[in-house]
C-alpha atoms as a PDB file:
ATOM      1  CA  MET A   1     193.090 119.159 244.222  1.00  0.00           C
ATOM      2  CA  GLY A   2     195.627 120.483 240.219  1.00  0.00           C
ATOM      3  CA  PHE A   3     192.592 118.413 239.064  1.00  0.00           C
ATOM      4  CA  SER A   4     189.995 120.017 240.547  1.00  0.00           C
ATOM      5  CA  PHE A   5     191.348 123.352 239.723  1.00  0.00           C
ATOM      6  CA  LEU A   6     191.586 122.668 236.101  1.00  0.00           C
ATOM      7  CA  PHE A   7     188.291 121.480 236.622  1.00  0.00           C
ATOM      8  CA  ALA A   8     186.321 124.223 237.886  1.00  0.00           C
ATOM      9  CA  ALA A   9     188.321 126.897 235.457  1.00  0.00           C
ATOM     10  CA  SER A  10     187.082 124.712 232.206  1.00  0.00           C
ATOM     11  CA  GLY A  11     183.826 125.105 233.087  1.00  0.00           C
ATOM     12  CA  CYS A  12     184.115 129.499 233.145  1.00  0.00           C
ATOM     13  CA  ALA A  13     181.750 131.891 231.386  1.00  0.00           C
ATOM     14  CA  TRP A  14     181.950 135.857 232.154  1.00  0.00           C
ATOM     15  CA  GLN A  15     179.727 138.114 230.296  1.00  0.00           C
ATOM     16  CA  ALA A  16     180.102 142.183 230.045  1.00  0.00           C
ATOM     17  CA  GLU A  17     177.230 144.779 231.324  1.00  0.00           C
ATOM     18  CA  ALA A  18     176.096 146.698 228.128  1.00  0.00           C
ATOM     19  CA  MET A  19     177.840 150.057 227.064  1.00  0.00           C
ATOM     20  CA  LYS A  20     176.263 152.807 225.040  1.00  0.00           C
ATOM     21  CA  VAL A  21     177.846 153.233 222.012  1.00  0.00           C
ATOM     22  CA  GLY A  22     175.467 155.275 220.562  1.00  0.00           C
ATOM     23  CA  PRO A  23     172.378 156.937 220.459  1.00  0.00           C
ATOM     24  CA  ASP A  24     169.868 154.253 222.043  1.00  0.00           C
ATOM     25  CA  THR A  25     172.688 151.739 220.523  1.00  0.00           C
ATOM     26  CA  TYR A  26     174.817 149.809 223.331  1.00  0.00           C
ATOM     27  CA  GLU A  27     177.106 146.594 222.914  1.00  0.00           C
ATOM     28  CA  THR A  28     177.697 143.828 225.641  1.00  0.00           C
ATOM     29  CA  SER A  29     180.370 140.644 225.064  1.00  0.00           C
ATOM     30  CA  ALA A  30     180.682 137.075 226.481  1.00  0.00           C
ATOM     31  CA  ASN A  31     182.534 134.626 226.843  1.00  0.00           C
ATOM     32  CA  ALA A  32     182.444 130.524 227.281  1.00  0.00           C
ATOM     33  CA  SER A  33     184.842 127.949 227.336  1.00  0.00           C
ATOM     34  CA  PRO A  34     183.434 125.005 225.918  1.00  0.00           C
ATOM     35  CA  ALA A  35     182.112 123.163 229.070  1.00  0.00           C
ATOM     36  CA  ARG A  36     179.919 126.475 229.369  1.00  0.00           C
ATOM     37  CA  GLY A  37     178.724 125.906 225.534  1.00  0.00           C
ATOM     38  CA  GLY A  38     181.908 127.843 223.959  1.00  0.00           C
ATOM     39  CA  TYR A  39     180.347 130.135 221.182  1.00  0.00           C
ATOM     40  CA  THR A  40     176.602 129.294 221.888  1.00  0.00           C
ATOM     41  CA  GLY A  41     176.957 129.287 225.415  1.00  0.00           C
ATOM     42  CA  ALA A  42     178.636 132.949 225.041  1.00  0.00           C
ATOM     43  CA  ARG A  43     176.200 134.239 221.955  1.00  0.00           C
ATOM     44  CA  GLU A  44     173.182 132.569 225.324  1.00  0.00           C
ATOM     45  CA  LEU A  45     174.698 135.433 228.133  1.00  0.00           C
ATOM     46  CA  ALA A  46     175.576 138.126 225.885  1.00  0.00           C
ATOM     47  CA  LEU A  47     171.550 138.054 224.615  1.00  0.00           C
ATOM     48  CA  GLU A  48     170.355 137.638 227.987  1.00  0.00           C
ATOM     49  CA  SER A  49     172.666 140.860 228.478  1.00  0.00           C
ATOM     50  CA  ALA A  50     171.264 143.125 226.002  1.00  0.00           C
ATOM     51  CA  ASN A  51     167.061 141.631 226.820  1.00  0.00           C
ATOM     52  CA  GLU A  52     168.218 143.234 230.479  1.00  0.00           C
ATOM     53  CA  LYS A  53     169.446 146.196 229.609  1.00  0.00           C
ATOM     54  CA  CYS A  54     166.251 146.769 226.852  1.00  0.00           C
ATOM     55  CA  ASN A  55     164.251 145.262 229.850  1.00  0.00           C
ATOM     56  CA  GLU A  56     165.923 148.079 232.114  1.00  0.00           C
ATOM     57  CA  LEU A  57     164.945 150.709 230.508  1.00  0.00           C
ATOM     58  CA  LYS A  58     161.007 149.270 229.317  1.00  0.00           C
ATOM     59  CA  LYS A  59     162.144 149.083 225.369  1.00  0.00           C
ATOM     60  CA  ASP A  60     162.061 146.555 222.376  1.00  0.00           C
ATOM     61  CA  ILE A  61     164.945 144.995 221.576  1.00  0.00           C
ATOM     62  CA  GLU A  62     167.067 145.452 218.124  1.00  0.00           C
ATOM     63  CA  VAL A  63     170.261 142.887 217.638  1.00  0.00           C
ATOM     64  CA  LEU A  64     172.019 144.557 214.899  1.00  0.00           C
ATOM     65  CA  ASP A  65     175.256 143.075 214.224  1.00  0.00           C
ATOM     66  CA  VAL A  66     176.807 139.356 216.567  1.00  0.00           C
ATOM     67  CA  GLN A  67     180.091 138.939 215.937  1.00  0.00           C
ATOM     68  CA  THR A  68     183.040 135.831 216.770  1.00  0.00           C
ATOM     69  CA  GLN A  69     185.862 134.689 217.829  1.00  0.00           C
ATOM     70  CA  TRP A  70     188.523 133.059 219.552  1.00  0.00           C
ATOM     71  CA  GLY A  71     189.285 133.408 222.859  1.00  0.00           C
ATOM     72  CA  PHE A  72     192.000 131.590 224.886  1.00  0.00           C
ATOM     73  CA  PRO A  73     192.972 128.871 225.395  1.00  0.00           C
ATOM     74  CA  ALA A  74     189.513 127.552 222.959  1.00  0.00           C
ATOM     75  CA  ASN A  75     186.616 129.665 224.706  1.00  0.00           C
ATOM     76  CA  GLY A  76     184.283 131.217 222.562  1.00  0.00           C
ATOM     77  CA  VAL A  77     183.610 134.840 222.404  1.00  0.00           C
ATOM     78  CA  VAL A  78     180.569 136.585 221.421  1.00  0.00           C
ATOM     79  CA  THR A  79     180.081 140.422 220.527  1.00  0.00           C
ATOM     80  CA  VAL A  80     176.261 141.764 220.354  1.00  0.00           C
ATOM     81  CA  LYS A  81     175.855 145.250 218.944  1.00  0.00           C
ATOM     82  CA  PHE A  82     172.043 145.943 219.686  1.00  0.00           C
ATOM     83  CA  LYS A  83     169.441 148.797 220.128  1.00  0.00           C
ATOM     84  CA  CYS A  84     166.774 149.754 222.471  1.00  0.00           C
ATOM     85  CA  ILE A  85     163.797 150.672 220.488  1.00  0.00           C
END
């Protein structure tokens, strides 16, 4: 049972809803374990969230900045700042 829990926990990923940080400017983040793609998986999730936000507004996306960092224990964390134009 403990092994199943560790295996399930190793496949974790999450993404935050896009938050407005300025005029037509938003930011979103995602976190993915190595089993979910690490930085690549987190980047995909964050960009998916950003695209969803601009689609809701019926606007195009312009990515302004992408930041990456490590999360505990070895997860990739990506923050995307973007505009819906």
